Amino acid sequence: MRLPMAQGRAAALNTLRQQRAAEVETAVSQRLTAAVSAGLLTQAEADAVLKAQRAGLLGGGPRGGHMGADGSGR
């Protein structure tokens, strides 16, 4: 029976995806904080970018991939 092994692999892959998403969010957040400190963005703009990143709209987010300008995912 291979089902338990497949479930274990799926769980491991999910854990890796969550870890990667957290790493990306941390990196984006740090860059946005630096941009706000440098006066390049307002805090509201940085918050909006982080919100879009979390929603997967900027690529590399929870849903992965890159969204095209037309929203097609191309």
N, C-alpha and C. Protein backbone atom coordinates (compact mmCIF):
# COMPACT_ATOMS: atom_id res chain seq x y z
N MET A 1 0.86 -1.19 0.00
CA MET A 1 0.00 0.00 0.00
C MET A 1 0.89 1.24 0.00
N ARG A 2 0.69 2.09 -0.95
CA ARG A 2 1.53 3.28 -1.09
C ARG A 2 0.88 4.56 -0.60
N LEU A 3 -0.36 4.50 -0.25
CA LEU A 3 -1.07 5.71 0.17
C LEU A 3 -0.42 6.42 1.35
N PRO A 4 -0.04 5.74 2.43
CA PRO A 4 0.62 6.45 3.54
C PRO A 4 1.91 7.14 3.11
N MET A 5 2.69 6.50 2.21
CA MET A 5 3.92 7.12 1.74
C MET A 5 3.61 8.38 0.93
N ALA A 6 2.59 8.30 0.09
CA ALA A 6 2.20 9.46 -0.72
C ALA A 6 1.72 10.60 0.17
N GLN A 7 0.98 10.25 1.20
CA GLN A 7 0.49 11.28 2.12
C GLN A 7 1.66 11.93 2.86
N GLY A 8 2.64 11.13 3.23
CA GLY A 8 3.83 11.67 3.90
C GLY A 8 4.60 12.61 2.99
N ARG A 9 4.73 12.23 1.73
CA ARG A 9 5.42 13.09 0.77
C ARG A 9 4.66 14.38 0.53
N ALA A 10 3.34 14.26 0.44
CA ALA A 10 2.51 15.46 0.25
C ALA A 10 2.64 16.40 1.44
N ALA A 11 2.66 15.83 2.63
CA ALA A 11 2.81 16.65 3.84
C ALA A 11 4.18 17.33 3.87
N ALA A 12 5.22 16.60 3.47
CA ALA A 12 6.56 17.17 3.44
C ALA A 12 6.65 18.29 2.41
N LEU A 13 6.03 18.08 1.25
CA LEU A 13 6.03 19.11 0.22
C LEU A 13 5.27 20.34 0.69
N ASN A 14 4.16 20.14 1.36
CA ASN A 14 3.39 21.26 1.89
C ASN A 14 4.20 22.04 2.90
N THR A 15 4.94 21.34 3.76
CA THR A 15 5.80 22.00 4.74
C THR A 15 6.86 22.84 4.05
N LEU A 16 7.48 22.29 3.01
CA LEU A 16 8.50 23.04 2.26
C LEU A 16 7.90 24.27 1.61
N ARG A 17 6.71 24.14 1.05
CA ARG A 17 6.05 25.29 0.41
C ARG A 17 5.76 26.39 1.44
N GLN A 18 5.30 25.98 2.62
CA GLN A 18 5.01 26.95 3.66
C GLN A 18 6.29 27.66 4.13
N GLN A 19 7.36 26.89 4.26
CA GLN A 19 8.63 27.48 4.67
C GLN A 19 9.12 28.47 3.62
N ARG A 20 9.02 28.10 2.36
CA ARG A 20 9.46 28.99 1.27
C ARG A 20 8.61 30.25 1.24
N ALA A 21 7.31 30.12 1.41
CA ALA A 21 6.43 31.28 1.42
C ALA A 21 6.80 32.23 2.57
N ALA A 22 7.14 31.67 3.73
CA ALA A 22 7.54 32.49 4.87
C ALA A 22 8.87 33.20 4.59
N GLU A 23 9.80 32.50 3.94
CA GLU A 23 11.09 33.11 3.59
C GLU A 23 10.89 34.26 2.61
N VAL A 24 10.04 34.05 1.61
CA VAL A 24 9.77 35.09 0.62
C VAL A 24 9.12 36.29 1.28
N GLU A 25 8.14 36.02 2.15
CA GLU A 25 7.46 37.13 2.83
C GLU A 25 8.43 37.93 3.69
N THR A 26 9.32 37.26 4.38
CA THR A 26 10.31 37.94 5.21
C THR A 26 11.21 38.82 4.34
N ALA A 27 11.68 38.29 3.22
CA ALA A 27 12.56 39.05 2.33
C ALA A 27 11.84 40.27 1.75
N VAL A 28 10.61 40.08 1.32
CA VAL A 28 9.83 41.19 0.76
C VAL A 28 9.59 42.23 1.84
N SER A 29 9.22 41.78 3.01
CA SER A 29 8.96 42.71 4.11
C SER A 29 10.19 43.54 4.47
N GLN A 30 11.35 42.88 4.49
CA GLN A 30 12.59 43.60 4.80
C GLN A 30 12.89 44.65 3.73
N ARG A 31 12.70 44.29 2.48
CA ARG A 31 12.96 45.25 1.39
C ARG A 31 11.98 46.41 1.45
N LEU A 32 10.73 46.12 1.77
CA LEU A 32 9.73 47.19 1.87
C LEU A 32 10.03 48.11 3.05
N THR A 33 10.46 47.55 4.16
CA THR A 33 10.84 48.36 5.31
C THR A 33 11.98 49.30 4.95
N ALA A 34 12.96 48.78 4.21
CA ALA A 34 14.08 49.61 3.78
C ALA A 34 13.61 50.71 2.83
N ALA A 35 12.69 50.40 1.95
CA ALA A 35 12.17 51.39 1.01
C ALA A 35 11.40 52.49 1.74
N VAL A 36 10.65 52.11 2.77
CA VAL A 36 9.92 53.10 3.57
C VAL A 36 10.92 53.98 4.32
N SER A 37 11.93 53.36 4.91
CA SER A 37 12.95 54.12 5.65
C SER A 37 13.70 55.09 4.75
N ALA A 38 13.90 54.70 3.49
CA ALA A 38 14.62 55.55 2.54
C ALA A 38 13.72 56.61 1.91
N GLY A 39 12.44 56.57 2.25
CA GLY A 39 11.51 57.55 1.70
C GLY A 39 11.05 57.24 0.29
N LEU A 40 11.27 56.02 -0.17
CA LEU A 40 10.88 55.63 -1.52
C LEU A 40 9.41 55.22 -1.61
N LEU A 41 8.88 54.73 -0.49
CA LEU A 41 7.48 54.31 -0.39
C LEU A 41 6.90 54.84 0.91
N THR A 42 5.60 55.02 0.91
CA THR A 42 4.92 55.30 2.18
C THR A 42 4.63 53.96 2.84
N GLN A 43 4.31 53.96 4.12
CA GLN A 43 3.98 52.71 4.80
C GLN A 43 2.73 52.10 4.19
N ALA A 44 1.78 52.94 3.79
CA ALA A 44 0.55 52.43 3.17
C ALA A 44 0.86 51.71 1.86
N GLU A 45 1.79 52.26 1.07
CA GLU A 45 2.18 51.61 -0.17
C GLU A 45 2.86 50.27 0.11
N ALA A 46 3.74 50.26 1.09
CA ALA A 46 4.43 49.02 1.45
C ALA A 46 3.43 47.98 1.94
N ASP A 47 2.46 48.40 2.73
CA ASP A 47 1.44 47.47 3.21
C ASP A 47 0.64 46.89 2.05
N ALA A 48 0.34 47.72 1.05
CA ALA A 48 -0.41 47.25 -0.12
C ALA A 48 0.39 46.24 -0.93
N VAL A 49 1.68 46.48 -1.08
CA VAL A 49 2.54 45.54 -1.81
C VAL A 49 2.60 44.21 -1.06
N LEU A 50 2.77 44.25 0.24
CA LEU A 50 2.85 43.03 1.02
C LEU A 50 1.52 42.27 0.96
N LYS A 51 0.42 42.98 0.99
CA LYS A 51 -0.89 42.34 0.88
C LYS A 51 -1.04 41.65 -0.48
N ALA A 52 -0.60 42.30 -1.54
CA ALA A 52 -0.66 41.71 -2.88
C ALA A 52 0.25 40.48 -2.97
N GLN A 53 1.41 40.56 -2.34
CA GLN A 53 2.33 39.42 -2.35
C GLN A 53 1.71 38.23 -1.63
N ARG A 54 1.10 38.48 -0.49
CA ARG A 54 0.45 37.41 0.28
C ARG A 54 -0.69 36.76 -0.50
N ALA A 55 -1.36 37.54 -1.33
CA ALA A 55 -2.47 37.03 -2.13
C ALA A 55 -2.00 36.29 -3.37
N GLY A 56 -0.70 36.29 -3.62
CA GLY A 56 -0.16 35.59 -4.77
C GLY A 56 -0.22 36.37 -6.06
N LEU A 57 -0.45 37.66 -5.97
CA LEU A 57 -0.59 38.48 -7.17
C LEU A 57 0.74 38.91 -7.77
N LEU A 58 1.82 38.77 -7.01
CA LEU A 58 3.13 39.22 -7.48
C LEU A 58 4.04 38.07 -7.89
N GLY A 59 3.55 36.87 -7.82
CA GLY A 59 4.39 35.71 -8.11
C GLY A 59 5.17 35.32 -6.88
N GLY A 60 5.40 34.04 -6.72
CA GLY A 60 6.15 33.56 -5.57
C GLY A 60 5.37 33.56 -4.29
N GLY A 61 4.08 33.87 -4.39
CA GLY A 61 3.26 33.88 -3.19
C GLY A 61 2.64 32.52 -2.94
N PRO A 62 1.64 32.49 -2.09
CA PRO A 62 1.04 31.22 -1.73
C PRO A 62 0.54 30.40 -2.92
N ARG A 63 0.07 31.08 -3.96
CA ARG A 63 -0.41 30.36 -5.13
C ARG A 63 0.67 30.15 -6.16
N GLY A 64 1.84 30.74 -5.94
CA GLY A 64 2.96 30.56 -6.87
C GLY A 64 2.70 31.18 -8.22
N GLY A 65 3.60 30.95 -9.15
CA GLY A 65 3.42 31.43 -10.51
C GLY A 65 3.50 32.94 -10.61
N HIS A 66 3.38 33.41 -11.83
CA HIS A 66 3.42 34.84 -12.08
C HIS A 66 2.15 35.23 -12.80
N MET A 67 1.52 36.25 -12.34
CA MET A 67 0.28 36.73 -12.92
C MET A 67 0.60 37.71 -14.04
N GLY A 68 0.03 37.49 -15.20
CA GLY A 68 0.21 38.42 -16.30
C GLY A 68 -0.60 39.68 -16.07
N ALA A 69 -0.32 40.71 -16.84
CA ALA A 69 -1.02 41.98 -16.69
C ALA A 69 -2.52 41.82 -16.91
N ASP A 70 -2.91 40.84 -17.73
CA ASP A 70 -4.32 40.62 -17.99
C ASP A 70 -4.95 39.64 -17.00
N GLY A 71 -4.15 39.19 -16.00
CA GLY A 71 -4.65 38.26 -15.00
C GLY A 71 -4.71 36.82 -15.46
N SER A 72 -4.11 36.55 -16.62
CA SER A 72 -4.20 35.21 -17.20
C SER A 72 -3.22 34.21 -16.62
N GLY A 73 -2.22 34.68 -15.89
CA GLY A 73 -1.22 33.77 -15.35
C GLY A 73 -0.15 33.41 -16.36
N ARG A 74 -0.14 34.12 -17.47
CA ARG A 74 0.89 33.87 -18.51
C ARG A 74 2.07 34.77 -18.35
